[in-house]
C-alpha atoms as a PDB file:
ATOM      1  CA  MET A   1    -110.692  25.980 142.365  1.00  0.00           C
ATOM      2  CA  ASP A   2    -112.421  23.111 144.012  1.00  0.00           C
ATOM      3  CA  THR A   3    -109.222  22.204 145.542  1.00  0.00           C
ATOM      4  CA  LYS A   4    -108.683  25.494 147.018  1.00  0.00           C
ATOM      5  CA  LEU A   5    -112.090  25.820 148.473  1.00  0.00           C
ATOM      6  CA  ASP A   6    -111.437  22.327 150.213  1.00  0.00           C
ATOM      7  CA  ASN A   7    -108.017  23.637 151.692  1.00  0.00           C
ATOM      8  CA  PHE A   8    -109.760  26.947 152.899  1.00  0.00           C
ATOM      9  CA  SER A   9    -112.672  24.544 154.612  1.00  0.00           C
ATOM     10  CA  GLU A  10    -110.046  22.312 156.139  1.00  0.00           C
ATOM     11  CA  ILE A  11    -108.236  25.226 157.694  1.00  0.00           C
ATOM     12  CA  SER A  12    -111.385  26.902 158.662  1.00  0.00           C
ATOM     13  CA  LYS A  13    -112.507  23.473 160.565  1.00  0.00           C
ATOM     14  CA  LEU A  14    -108.978  23.441 162.185  1.00  0.00           C
ATOM     15  CA  LEU A  15    -108.796  27.082 163.417  1.00  0.00           C
ATOM     16  CA  SER A  16    -112.492  26.417 164.925  1.00  0.00           C
ATOM     17  CA  VAL A  17    -111.476  23.432 166.887  1.00  0.00           C
ATOM     18  CA  LYS A  18    -108.189  25.499 168.286  1.00  0.00           C
ATOM     19  CA  SER A  19    -110.362  28.393 169.227  1.00  0.00           C
ATOM     20  CA  LYS A  20    -112.790  25.930 170.951  1.00  0.00           C
ATOM     21  CA  MET A  21    -109.868  24.155 172.895  1.00  0.00           C
ATOM     22  CA  SER A  22    -108.467  27.414 174.031  1.00  0.00           C
ATOM     23  CA  SER A  23    -111.743  28.579 175.151  1.00  0.00           C
ATOM     24  CA  ASP A  24    -112.255  25.223 177.212  1.00  0.00           C
ATOM     25  CA  ILE A  25    -108.753  25.641 178.657  1.00  0.00           C
ATOM     26  CA  LEU A  26    -109.139  29.324 179.913  1.00  0.00           C
ATOM     27  CA  SER A  27    -112.803  28.262 181.319  1.00  0.00           C
ATOM     28  CA  LEU A  28    -111.052  25.686 183.283  1.00  0.00           C
ATOM     29  CA  PHE A  29    -108.481  28.083 184.515  1.00  0.00           C
ATOM     30  CA  SER A  30    -111.034  30.684 185.743  1.00  0.00           C
ATOM     31  CA  LYS A  31    -113.303  27.903 187.160  1.00  0.00           C
ATOM     32  CA  PHE A  32    -110.679  26.400 189.589  1.00  0.00           C
ATOM     33  CA  GLY A  33    -108.616  29.417 190.049  1.00  0.00           C
ATOM     34  CA  LEU A  34    -105.463  27.814 188.606  1.00  0.00           C
ATOM     35  CA  GLY A  35    -104.396  31.580 187.755  1.00  0.00           C
ATOM     36  CA  ARG A  36    -104.105  32.258 191.385  1.00  0.00           C
ATOM     37  CA  MET A  37    -102.485  29.059 192.195  1.00  0.00           C
ATOM     38  CA  LEU A  38     -99.817  29.361 189.620  1.00  0.00           C
ATOM     39  CA  CYS A  39     -99.106  32.616 190.772  1.00  0.00           C
ATOM     40  CA  ARG A  40     -98.192  31.384 194.264  1.00  0.00           C
ATOM     41  CA  LEU A  41     -96.126  28.829 193.001  1.00  0.00           C
ATOM     42  CA  SER A  42     -94.021  31.274 191.208  1.00  0.00           C
ATOM     43  CA  LEU A  43     -94.039  29.387 187.932  1.00  0.00           C
ATOM     44  CA  GLU A  44     -92.843  31.396 184.785  1.00  0.00           C
ATOM     45  CA  LYS A  45     -94.960  32.272 182.063  1.00  0.00           C
ATOM     46  CA  HIS A  46     -93.535  31.268 178.480  1.00  0.00           C
ATOM     47  CA  ASP A  47     -96.166  31.800 175.854  1.00  0.00           C
ATOM     48  CA  GLY A  48     -99.730  32.923 175.699  1.00  0.00           C
ATOM     49  CA  ILE A  49    -102.058  34.555 178.077  1.00  0.00           C
ATOM     50  CA  SER A  50    -100.490  35.493 182.049  1.00  0.00           C
ATOM     51  CA  ALA A  51    -102.308  32.947 184.104  1.00  0.00           C
ATOM     52  CA  VAL A  52    -102.824  36.034 186.448  1.00  0.00           C
ATOM     53  CA  GLN A  53    -105.084  37.685 184.223  1.00  0.00           C
ATOM     54  CA  LEU A  54    -107.318  35.120 184.414  1.00  0.00           C
END
């Protein structure tokens, strides 16, 4: 039982770090207007959120 709780705790920490990193990246996109810049360069989006939506 303790092992399952430890694994759950590790997964929770990992997801928390990934969520924080994603939030920081989105913040940088909006702060520097990277979405509009990428739109002008006609770069293709492969995964995730459309840069134009930022």
